[in-house]
Amino acid sequence: MVDRILVVNPNSSASCTSGIDAALAGFRAPGLPRIEVMQMAGGPPAVVTWRDWFGVAEPLCRLVEREAASAYVIACVSDPGVDAIRTVTRAPVFGPLRSAVAAALARADRFGLIAFGDPSLPRQRRALQAMGVERRLAGHIPLNLPMEVLTDPAAPRAALISAAQAMVGQGAEAVILGCAGMASHRAAVEAACGVPVIEPCQAAAALALQAVIAARPALAQAAE
């Protein structure tokens, strides 16, 4: 049986979905669980407000109930619906924000977080508080750029680099790209700011791969 990891973009931006898929290209190889990236129909252009955040939870639950997979990644860096989705599947469900924070803290004592916009800040702070790591946050800077600008290969690059460098100046030893639309800029931002830059969908996919691969022996023994 080929294991399937389903990565779901809950917004309606095709360019964001394409960027997520490209960012995960290096996670695909023979013998590894198959990673599929899909876009949820009917989602908002971006998950910006609390209404967007709550609004995608039930459609995501219904999608997961329809789409069998060995693990799920909800590809939005405010982890919408993750707790609700965990009630409708026994498969592991990963949120990119929490995954990225774990990856950052595995490499650094303090980290910075580049947010999509001002409305993202309270949602992301609440997640950090729930994880007990808010004091490890060195800087939290919103870009306030539209999704289609973020996904452009050049347009947001200077703003992303400036934000990352500012947070390094504030003591960040790693930087998290706080929107899936920023995925294609990870390498350039890392080269410019000189500290590890974490792309959250990659961080979540890495945890999903580990979970699915680790479960293989147990599944084989149960089938015997």
C-alpha atoms as a PDB file:
ATOM      1  CA  MET A   1       0.000   0.000   0.000  1.00  0.00           C
ATOM      2  CA  VAL A   2       1.277   3.477  -0.916  1.00  0.00           C
ATOM      3  CA  ASP A   3       0.843   5.886   1.991  1.00  0.00           C
ATOM      4  CA  ARG A   4      -0.774   9.222   1.145  1.00  0.00           C
ATOM      5  CA  ILE A   5      -0.135  12.524   2.886  1.00  0.00           C
ATOM      6  CA  LEU A   6      -2.753  15.072   1.882  1.00  0.00           C
ATOM      7  CA  VAL A   7      -1.772  18.750   2.047  1.00  0.00           C
ATOM      8  CA  VAL A   8      -4.830  21.012   1.820  1.00  0.00           C
ATOM      9  CA  ASN A   9      -4.707  24.710   1.028  1.00  0.00           C
ATOM     10  CA  PRO A  10      -7.907  26.187   2.508  1.00  0.00           C
ATOM     11  CA  ASN A  11      -7.752  29.401   0.482  1.00  0.00           C
ATOM     12  CA  SER A  12      -8.754  29.917  -3.155  1.00  0.00           C
ATOM     13  CA  SER A  13      -5.397  31.178  -4.456  1.00  0.00           C
ATOM     14  CA  ALA A  14      -4.134  28.884  -7.217  1.00  0.00           C
ATOM     15  CA  SER A  15      -0.711  30.542  -7.105  1.00  0.00           C
ATOM     16  CA  CYS A  16      -0.468  29.841  -3.374  1.00  0.00           C
ATOM     17  CA  THR A  17      -1.334  26.180  -3.960  1.00  0.00           C
ATOM     18  CA  SER A  18       1.279  25.951  -6.721  1.00  0.00           C
ATOM     19  CA  GLY A  19       3.900  27.504  -4.447  1.00  0.00           C
ATOM     20  CA  ILE A  20       3.144  24.991  -1.674  1.00  0.00           C
ATOM     21  CA  ASP A  21       3.399  22.119  -4.147  1.00  0.00           C
ATOM     22  CA  ALA A  22       6.758  23.390  -5.424  1.00  0.00           C
ATOM     23  CA  ALA A  23       8.086  23.843  -1.879  1.00  0.00           C
ATOM     24  CA  LEU A  24       7.333  20.187  -1.158  1.00  0.00           C
ATOM     25  CA  ALA A  25       8.960  18.823  -4.319  1.00  0.00           C
ATOM     26  CA  GLY A  26      12.090  17.791  -2.417  1.00  0.00           C
ATOM     27  CA  PHE A  27       9.989  15.729   0.003  1.00  0.00           C
ATOM     28  CA  ARG A  28       8.941  13.332  -2.753  1.00  0.00           C
ATOM     29  CA  ALA A  29      11.087  10.270  -3.453  1.00  0.00           C
ATOM     30  CA  PRO A  30      10.628   6.565  -4.162  1.00  0.00           C
ATOM     31  CA  GLY A  31       9.754   4.658  -0.997  1.00  0.00           C
ATOM     32  CA  LEU A  32       8.430   7.715   0.832  1.00  0.00           C
ATOM     33  CA  PRO A  33       4.736   8.335   1.462  1.00  0.00           C
ATOM     34  CA  ARG A  34       3.109  10.087  -1.488  1.00  0.00           C
ATOM     35  CA  ILE A  35       2.517  13.809  -0.863  1.00  0.00           C
ATOM     36  CA  GLU A  36      -0.475  15.324  -2.650  1.00  0.00           C
ATOM     37  CA  VAL A  37      -1.340  19.019  -2.561  1.00  0.00           C
ATOM     38  CA  MET A  38      -4.905  20.124  -3.190  1.00  0.00           C
ATOM     39  CA  GLN A  39      -6.957  23.290  -2.906  1.00  0.00           C
ATOM     40  CA  MET A  40     -10.209  23.384  -0.971  1.00  0.00           C
ATOM     41  CA  ALA A  41     -13.129  24.500  -3.109  1.00  0.00           C
ATOM     42  CA  GLY A  42     -14.950  27.602  -1.946  1.00  0.00           C
ATOM     43  CA  GLY A  43     -12.268  28.914   0.376  1.00  0.00           C
ATOM     44  CA  PRO A  44     -11.565  32.634   0.925  1.00  0.00           C
ATOM     45  CA  PRO A  45      -8.829  34.358  -1.141  1.00  0.00           C
ATOM     46  CA  ALA A  46      -6.690  34.175   2.009  1.00  0.00           C
ATOM     47  CA  VAL A  47      -7.371  33.248   5.633  1.00  0.00           C
ATOM     48  CA  VAL A  48      -7.130  36.795   6.983  1.00  0.00           C
ATOM     49  CA  THR A  49      -9.822  37.400   9.596  1.00  0.00           C
ATOM     50  CA  TRP A  50     -11.172  35.383  12.489  1.00  0.00           C
ATOM     51  CA  ARG A  51     -14.303  34.842  10.374  1.00  0.00           C
ATOM     52  CA  ASP A  52     -12.152  33.289   7.625  1.00  0.00           C
ATOM     53  CA  TRP A  53     -10.372  31.162  10.228  1.00  0.00           C
ATOM     54  CA  PHE A  54     -13.563  29.790  11.764  1.00  0.00           C
ATOM     55  CA  GLY A  55     -15.323  29.614   8.393  1.00  0.00           C
ATOM     56  CA  VAL A  56     -12.956  27.080   6.828  1.00  0.00           C
ATOM     57  CA  ALA A  57     -13.074  24.619   9.745  1.00  0.00           C
ATOM     58  CA  GLU A  58     -16.270  22.750   8.831  1.00  0.00           C
ATOM     59  CA  PRO A  59     -15.488  22.518   5.075  1.00  0.00           C
ATOM     60  CA  LEU A  60     -12.065  21.145   6.004  1.00  0.00           C
ATOM     61  CA  CYS A  61     -13.673  18.550   8.273  1.00  0.00           C
ATOM     62  CA  ARG A  62     -15.977  17.441   5.461  1.00  0.00           C
ATOM     63  CA  LEU A  63     -13.065  17.264   3.014  1.00  0.00           C
ATOM     64  CA  VAL A  64     -11.037  15.083   5.375  1.00  0.00           C
ATOM     65  CA  GLU A  65     -14.033  12.789   5.867  1.00  0.00           C
ATOM     66  CA  ARG A  66     -14.192  12.328   2.066  1.00  0.00           C
ATOM     67  CA  GLU A  67     -10.467  12.089   1.335  1.00  0.00           C
ATOM     68  CA  ALA A  68      -8.730   9.152   3.002  1.00  0.00           C
ATOM     69  CA  ALA A  69      -5.069   9.710   3.842  1.00  0.00           C
ATOM     70  CA  SER A  70      -2.421   8.478   6.241  1.00  0.00           C
ATOM     71  CA  ALA A  71      -1.807  12.060   7.463  1.00  0.00           C
ATOM     72  CA  TYR A  72      -3.081  15.551   6.746  1.00  0.00           C
ATOM     73  CA  VAL A  73      -1.416  18.967   6.604  1.00  0.00           C
ATOM     74  CA  ILE A  74      -3.669  22.049   6.699  1.00  0.00           C
ATOM     75  CA  ALA A  75      -1.577  24.446   4.645  1.00  0.00           C
ATOM     76  CA  CYS A  76      -2.299  27.775   6.309  1.00  0.00           C
ATOM     77  CA  VAL A  77       0.045  29.312   8.853  1.00  0.00           C
ATOM     78  CA  SER A  78      -2.612  30.042  11.435  1.00  0.00           C
ATOM     79  CA  ASP A  79      -3.584  26.345  11.720  1.00  0.00           C
ATOM     80  CA  PRO A  80      -7.324  26.808  10.996  1.00  0.00           C
ATOM     81  CA  GLY A  81      -9.580  23.907  11.872  1.00  0.00           C
ATOM     82  CA  VAL A  82      -6.801  21.612  13.056  1.00  0.00           C
ATOM     83  CA  ASP A  83      -8.384  20.792  16.412  1.00  0.00           C
ATOM     84  CA  ALA A  84     -11.801  20.203  14.813  1.00  0.00           C
ATOM     85  CA  ILE A  85     -10.341  17.999  12.057  1.00  0.00           C
ATOM     86  CA  ARG A  86      -8.660  15.809  14.647  1.00  0.00           C
ATOM     87  CA  THR A  87     -12.135  14.838  15.857  1.00  0.00           C
ATOM     88  CA  VAL A  88     -13.167  13.375  12.474  1.00  0.00           C
ATOM     89  CA  THR A  89     -10.092  11.272  11.643  1.00  0.00           C
ATOM     90  CA  ARG A  90      -7.724   8.936  13.431  1.00  0.00           C
ATOM     91  CA  ALA A  91      -4.900   9.980  11.098  1.00  0.00           C
ATOM     92  CA  PRO A  92      -2.455  12.612  12.376  1.00  0.00           C
ATOM     93  CA  VAL A  93      -3.279  16.208  11.434  1.00  0.00           C
ATOM     94  CA  PHE A  94      -0.546  18.838  11.333  1.00  0.00           C
ATOM     95  CA  GLY A  95      -0.794  22.617  11.422  1.00  0.00           C
ATOM     96  CA  PRO A  96       2.096  24.469   9.754  1.00  0.00           C
ATOM     97  CA  LEU A  97       2.394  27.148  12.452  1.00  0.00           C
ATOM     98  CA  ARG A  98       2.916  24.739  15.324  1.00  0.00           C
ATOM     99  CA  SER A  99       5.163  22.580  13.136  1.00  0.00           C
ATOM    100  CA  ALA A 100       7.288  25.577  12.141  1.00  0.00           C
ATOM    101  CA  VAL A 101       7.662  26.748  15.732  1.00  0.00           C
ATOM    102  CA  ALA A 102       8.841  23.271  16.715  1.00  0.00           C
ATOM    103  CA  ALA A 103      11.342  23.299  13.846  1.00  0.00           C
ATOM    104  CA  ALA A 104      12.596  26.775  14.753  1.00  0.00           C
ATOM    105  CA  LEU A 105      13.079  25.915  18.416  1.00  0.00           C
ATOM    106  CA  ALA A 106      14.965  22.765  17.446  1.00  0.00           C
ATOM    107  CA  ARG A 107      17.588  25.076  15.912  1.00  0.00           C
ATOM    108  CA  ALA A 108      17.412  28.309  17.922  1.00  0.00           C
ATOM    109  CA  ASP A 109      16.518  29.765  21.298  1.00  0.00           C
ATOM    110  CA  ARG A 110      14.540  32.696  19.879  1.00  0.00           C
ATOM    111  CA  PHE A 111      12.698  33.110  16.596  1.00  0.00           C
ATOM    112  CA  GLY A 112      10.963  35.745  14.519  1.00  0.00           C
ATOM    113  CA  LEU A 113       7.658  35.361  12.690  1.00  0.00           C
ATOM    114  CA  ILE A 114       6.709  37.208   9.499  1.00  0.00           C
ATOM    115  CA  ALA A 115       2.904  37.416   9.456  1.00  0.00           C
ATOM    116  CA  PHE A 116       0.587  37.770   6.473  1.00  0.00           C
ATOM    117  CA  GLY A 117      -1.056  40.878   7.906  1.00  0.00           C
ATOM    118  CA  ASP A 118      -2.136  42.675  11.064  1.00  0.00           C
ATOM    119  CA  PRO A 119      -5.240  40.461  11.524  1.00  0.00           C
ATOM    120  CA  SER A 120      -2.958  37.397  11.691  1.00  0.00           C
ATOM    121  CA  LEU A 121      -1.100  38.631  14.769  1.00  0.00           C
ATOM    122  CA  PRO A 122      -3.655  37.761  17.491  1.00  0.00           C
ATOM    123  CA  ARG A 123      -4.312  34.297  16.020  1.00  0.00           C
ATOM    124  CA  GLN A 124      -0.627  33.489  15.858  1.00  0.00           C
ATOM    125  CA  ARG A 125       0.030  34.897  19.338  1.00  0.00           C
ATOM    126  CA  ARG A 126      -2.771  32.750  20.737  1.00  0.00           C
ATOM    127  CA  ALA A 127      -1.148  29.645  19.207  1.00  0.00           C
ATOM    128  CA  LEU A 128       2.226  30.599  20.686  1.00  0.00           C
ATOM    129  CA  GLN A 129       0.610  31.133  24.096  1.00  0.00           C
ATOM    130  CA  ALA A 130      -1.041  27.706  23.869  1.00  0.00           C
ATOM    131  CA  MET A 131       2.359  26.175  23.107  1.00  0.00           C
ATOM    132  CA  GLY A 132       3.965  28.059  26.012  1.00  0.00           C
ATOM    133  CA  VAL A 133       6.597  29.649  23.760  1.00  0.00           C
ATOM    134  CA  GLU A 134       5.466  33.273  23.414  1.00  0.00           C
ATOM    135  CA  ARG A 135       8.518  34.483  25.351  1.00  0.00           C
ATOM    136  CA  ARG A 136      10.750  32.868  22.731  1.00  0.00           C
ATOM    137  CA  LEU A 137       9.357  35.218  20.066  1.00  0.00           C
ATOM    138  CA  ALA A 138      11.945  37.879  19.226  1.00  0.00           C
ATOM    139  CA  GLY A 139       9.852  39.717  16.626  1.00  0.00           C
ATOM    140  CA  HIS A 140       6.475  39.513  14.900  1.00  0.00           C
ATOM    141  CA  ILE A 141       6.162  41.619  11.754  1.00  0.00           C
ATOM    142  CA  PRO A 142       3.118  41.716   9.417  1.00  0.00           C
ATOM    143  CA  LEU A 143       3.700  42.362   5.711  1.00  0.00           C
ATOM    144  CA  ASN A 144       0.130  43.427   4.832  1.00  0.00           C
ATOM    145  CA  LEU A 145       0.517  42.439   1.178  1.00  0.00           C
ATOM    146  CA  PRO A 146      -2.185  40.741  -0.923  1.00  0.00           C
ATOM    147  CA  MET A 147      -1.824  36.995  -1.477  1.00  0.00           C
ATOM    148  CA  GLU A 148      -1.193  37.402  -5.209  1.00  0.00           C
ATOM    149  CA  VAL A 149       1.677  39.795  -4.431  1.00  0.00           C
ATOM    150  CA  LEU A 150       3.176  37.386  -1.897  1.00  0.00           C
ATOM    151  CA  THR A 151       3.179  34.551  -4.415  1.00  0.00           C
ATOM    152  CA  ASP A 152       4.882  36.643  -7.103  1.00  0.00           C
ATOM    153  CA  PRO A 153       8.475  35.464  -7.613  1.00  0.00           C
ATOM    154  CA  ALA A 154       9.907  38.966  -7.179  1.00  0.00           C
ATOM    155  CA  ALA A 155       7.398  41.530  -5.869  1.00  0.00           C
ATOM    156  CA  PRO A 156       7.520  40.774  -2.103  1.00  0.00           C
ATOM    157  CA  ARG A 157      11.155  39.718  -1.881  1.00  0.00           C
ATOM    158  CA  ALA A 158      12.568  43.030  -0.596  1.00  0.00           C
ATOM    159  CA  ALA A 159       9.847  43.358   2.071  1.00  0.00           C
ATOM    160  CA  LEU A 160      10.411  39.784   3.256  1.00  0.00           C
ATOM    161  CA  ILE A 161      14.163  40.276   3.489  1.00  0.00           C
ATOM    162  CA  SER A 162      13.753  43.582   5.317  1.00  0.00           C
ATOM    163  CA  ALA A 163      11.395  42.001   7.856  1.00  0.00           C
ATOM    164  CA  ALA A 164      13.702  39.031   8.419  1.00  0.00           C
ATOM    165  CA  GLN A 165      16.754  41.244   8.873  1.00  0.00           C
ATOM    166  CA  ALA A 166      14.855  43.461  11.317  1.00  0.00           C
ATOM    167  CA  MET A 167      13.949  40.455  13.454  1.00  0.00           C
ATOM    168  CA  VAL A 168      17.522  39.165  13.407  1.00  0.00           C
ATOM    169  CA  GLY A 169      18.458  42.597  14.717  1.00  0.00           C
ATOM    170  CA  GLN A 170      15.927  42.064  17.518  1.00  0.00           C
ATOM    171  CA  GLY A 171      17.600  38.800  18.515  1.00  0.00           C
ATOM    172  CA  ALA A 172      15.901  36.184  16.322  1.00  0.00           C
ATOM    173  CA  GLU A 173      18.146  33.205  15.635  1.00  0.00           C
ATOM    174  CA  ALA A 174      15.633  31.675  13.208  1.00  0.00           C
ATOM    175  CA  VAL A 175      12.813  33.159  11.136  1.00  0.00           C
ATOM    176  CA  ILE A 176       9.443  31.618  10.270  1.00  0.00           C
ATOM    177  CA  LEU A 177       7.631  32.589   7.067  1.00  0.00           C
ATOM    178  CA  GLY A 178       4.145  33.082   8.483  1.00  0.00           C
ATOM    179  CA  CYS A 179       2.059  32.500   5.347  1.00  0.00           C
ATOM    180  CA  ALA A 180       2.013  29.627   2.865  1.00  0.00           C
ATOM    181  CA  GLY A 181       2.075  32.222   0.084  1.00  0.00           C
ATOM    182  CA  MET A 182       5.674  33.038   1.048  1.00  0.00           C
ATOM    183  CA  ALA A 183       6.892  29.489   0.345  1.00  0.00           C
ATOM    184  CA  SER A 184       8.923  30.222  -2.785  1.00  0.00           C
ATOM    185  CA  HIS A 185      11.015  32.889  -1.031  1.00  0.00           C
ATOM    186  CA  ARG A 186      12.546  30.767   1.744  1.00  0.00           C
ATOM    187  CA  ALA A 187      16.013  30.259   0.255  1.00  0.00           C
ATOM    188  CA  ALA A 188      16.463  33.903  -0.777  1.00  0.00           C
ATOM    189  CA  VAL A 189      15.374  35.219   2.624  1.00  0.00           C
ATOM    190  CA  GLU A 190      17.689  32.788   4.422  1.00  0.00           C
ATOM    191  CA  ALA A 191      20.655  33.826   2.265  1.00  0.00           C
ATOM    192  CA  ALA A 192      19.970  37.490   2.990  1.00  0.00           C
ATOM    193  CA  CYS A 193      19.359  37.330   6.745  1.00  0.00           C
ATOM    194  CA  GLY A 194      21.995  34.731   7.686  1.00  0.00           C
ATOM    195  CA  VAL A 195      19.880  32.567  10.026  1.00  0.00           C
ATOM    196  CA  PRO A 196      17.713  29.494   9.371  1.00  0.00           C
ATOM    197  CA  VAL A 197      14.420  30.368   7.674  1.00  0.00           C
ATOM    198  CA  ILE A 198      11.583  27.912   8.246  1.00  0.00           C
ATOM    199  CA  GLU A 199       8.900  27.333   5.625  1.00  0.00           C
ATOM    200  CA  PRO A 200       5.933  26.007   7.638  1.00  0.00           C
ATOM    201  CA  CYS A 201       4.413  23.659   5.050  1.00  0.00           C
ATOM    202  CA  GLN A 202       7.809  21.978   4.738  1.00  0.00           C
ATOM    203  CA  ALA A 203       8.024  21.711   8.523  1.00  0.00           C
ATOM    204  CA  ALA A 204       4.553  20.147   8.708  1.00  0.00           C
ATOM    205  CA  ALA A 205       5.257  17.779   5.814  1.00  0.00           C
ATOM    206  CA  ALA A 206       8.445  16.612   7.537  1.00  0.00           C
ATOM    207  CA  LEU A 207       6.476  15.755  10.678  1.00  0.00           C
ATOM    208  CA  ALA A 208       3.786  14.033   8.614  1.00  0.00           C
ATOM    209  CA  LEU A 209       6.403  11.928   6.827  1.00  0.00           C
ATOM    210  CA  GLN A 210       7.939  10.944  10.155  1.00  0.00           C
ATOM    211  CA  ALA A 211       4.541   9.978  11.589  1.00  0.00           C
ATOM    212  CA  VAL A 212       3.518   7.874   8.603  1.00  0.00           C
ATOM    213  CA  ILE A 213       6.875   6.132   8.236  1.00  0.00           C
ATOM    214  CA  ALA A 214       7.077   5.434  11.976  1.00  0.00           C
ATOM    215  CA  ALA A 215       3.637   3.806  11.852  1.00  0.00           C
ATOM    216  CA  ARG A 216       4.578   1.348   9.096  1.00  0.00           C
ATOM    217  CA  PRO A 217       6.013  -1.454  11.306  1.00  0.00           C
ATOM    218  CA  ALA A 218       3.021  -1.254  13.637  1.00  0.00           C
ATOM    219  CA  LEU A 219       0.653  -1.530  10.682  1.00  0.00           C
ATOM    220  CA  ALA A 220       2.563  -4.523   9.316  1.00  0.00           C
ATOM    221  CA  GLN A 221       2.485  -6.316  12.680  1.00  0.00           C
ATOM    222  CA  ALA A 222      -1.239  -5.640  13.073  1.00  0.00           C
ATOM    223  CA  ALA A 223      -1.919  -7.211   9.675  1.00  0.00           C
ATOM    224  CA  GLU A 224      -0.111 -10.441  10.591  1.00  0.00           C
END
